[in-house]
Amino acid sequence: MWRKSSRSNAGDNTECVEIALDGPAARIRDSKGQADTTVAAPAWAAFLATVKGGELDR
């Protein structure tokens, strides 16, 4: 099941990131294309920790 990022709500919804949690991995895709990338659970958890910690804020 694909879910759209809550941060992907541009005015026209043309720039969306979607994720599907799939057991020990996360699948990520741009909603405009059908190709996706699989990321192992530890790497996904590290990415989320970095985002939540504000390390990628501009």
C-alpha atoms as a PDB file:
ATOM      1  CA  MET A   1       0.000   0.000   0.000  1.00  0.00           C
ATOM      2  CA  TRP A   2       1.535   3.294  -1.101  1.00  0.00           C
ATOM      3  CA  ARG A   3       1.207   6.395   1.098  1.00  0.00           C
ATOM      4  CA  LYS A   4       1.958   9.951   0.031  1.00  0.00           C
ATOM      5  CA  SER A   5       4.275  12.029   2.183  1.00  0.00           C
ATOM      6  CA  SER A   6       2.497  14.742   4.169  1.00  0.00           C
ATOM      7  CA  ARG A   7       5.334  17.055   3.059  1.00  0.00           C
ATOM      8  CA  SER A   8       4.496  16.494  -0.622  1.00  0.00           C
ATOM      9  CA  ASN A   9       1.486  18.768  -0.750  1.00  0.00           C
ATOM     10  CA  ALA A  10       2.605  21.387  -3.251  1.00  0.00           C
ATOM     11  CA  GLY A  11      -0.264  23.542  -4.476  1.00  0.00           C
ATOM     12  CA  ASP A  12      -0.848  21.400  -7.537  1.00  0.00           C
ATOM     13  CA  ASN A  13       0.298  18.049  -6.051  1.00  0.00           C
ATOM     14  CA  THR A  14       2.716  17.427  -8.931  1.00  0.00           C
ATOM     15  CA  GLU A  15       5.754  16.763  -6.717  1.00  0.00           C
ATOM     16  CA  CYS A  16       4.829  13.827  -4.502  1.00  0.00           C
ATOM     17  CA  VAL A  17       6.911  11.221  -2.747  1.00  0.00           C
ATOM     18  CA  GLU A  18       5.237   7.941  -1.827  1.00  0.00           C
ATOM     19  CA  ILE A  19       6.355   5.127   0.466  1.00  0.00           C
ATOM     20  CA  ALA A  20       5.257   1.553   1.024  1.00  0.00           C
ATOM     21  CA  LEU A  21       6.523  -0.242   4.115  1.00  0.00           C
ATOM     22  CA  ASP A  22       7.238  -3.805   3.084  1.00  0.00           C
ATOM     23  CA  GLY A  23       8.391  -5.958   6.008  1.00  0.00           C
ATOM     24  CA  PRO A  24      12.125  -5.422   6.511  1.00  0.00           C
ATOM     25  CA  ALA A  25      12.328  -2.668   3.888  1.00  0.00           C
ATOM     26  CA  ALA A  26      10.768   0.546   2.666  1.00  0.00           C
ATOM     27  CA  ARG A  27       9.900   1.144  -0.978  1.00  0.00           C
ATOM     28  CA  ILE A  28      10.089   4.753  -2.143  1.00  0.00           C
ATOM     29  CA  ARG A  29       8.921   6.300  -5.411  1.00  0.00           C
ATOM     30  CA  ASP A  30       8.104   9.561  -7.127  1.00  0.00           C
ATOM     31  CA  SER A  31       4.358   9.473  -7.747  1.00  0.00           C
ATOM     32  CA  LYS A  32       4.867  10.665 -11.337  1.00  0.00           C
ATOM     33  CA  GLY A  33       6.739   7.464 -12.228  1.00  0.00           C
ATOM     34  CA  GLN A  34       6.148   3.834 -11.469  1.00  0.00           C
ATOM     35  CA  ALA A  35       9.775   2.865 -10.747  1.00  0.00           C
ATOM     36  CA  ASP A  36      10.624   2.540  -7.085  1.00  0.00           C
ATOM     37  CA  THR A  37      13.674   2.021  -4.899  1.00  0.00           C
ATOM     38  CA  THR A  38      13.942  -0.398  -1.979  1.00  0.00           C
ATOM     39  CA  VAL A  39      15.747   0.724   1.174  1.00  0.00           C
ATOM     40  CA  ALA A  40      16.623  -1.681   4.009  1.00  0.00           C
ATOM     41  CA  ALA A  41      14.906  -1.015   7.329  1.00  0.00           C
ATOM     42  CA  PRO A  42      18.080   0.140   9.189  1.00  0.00           C
ATOM     43  CA  ALA A  43      18.865   2.698   6.475  1.00  0.00           C
ATOM     44  CA  TRP A  44      15.245   3.920   6.455  1.00  0.00           C
ATOM     45  CA  ALA A  45      15.269   4.280  10.260  1.00  0.00           C
ATOM     46  CA  ALA A  46      18.535   6.264  10.089  1.00  0.00           C
ATOM     47  CA  PHE A  47      17.048   8.549   7.426  1.00  0.00           C
ATOM     48  CA  LEU A  48      13.931   9.180   9.531  1.00  0.00           C
ATOM     49  CA  ALA A  49      16.064   9.951  12.599  1.00  0.00           C
ATOM     50  CA  THR A  50      18.072  12.461  10.575  1.00  0.00           C
ATOM     51  CA  VAL A  51      14.934  14.170   9.256  1.00  0.00           C
ATOM     52  CA  LYS A  52      13.231  14.254  12.657  1.00  0.00           C
ATOM     53  CA  GLY A  53      16.418  15.612  14.225  1.00  0.00           C
ATOM     54  CA  GLY A  54      16.277  18.603  11.869  1.00  0.00           C
ATOM     55  CA  GLU A  55      19.645  17.888  10.296  1.00  0.00           C
ATOM     56  CA  LEU A  56      18.264  18.422   6.784  1.00  0.00           C
ATOM     57  CA  ASP A  57      16.381  21.653   7.519  1.00  0.00           C
ATOM     58  CA  ARG A  58      17.361  24.588   5.372  1.00  0.00           C
END
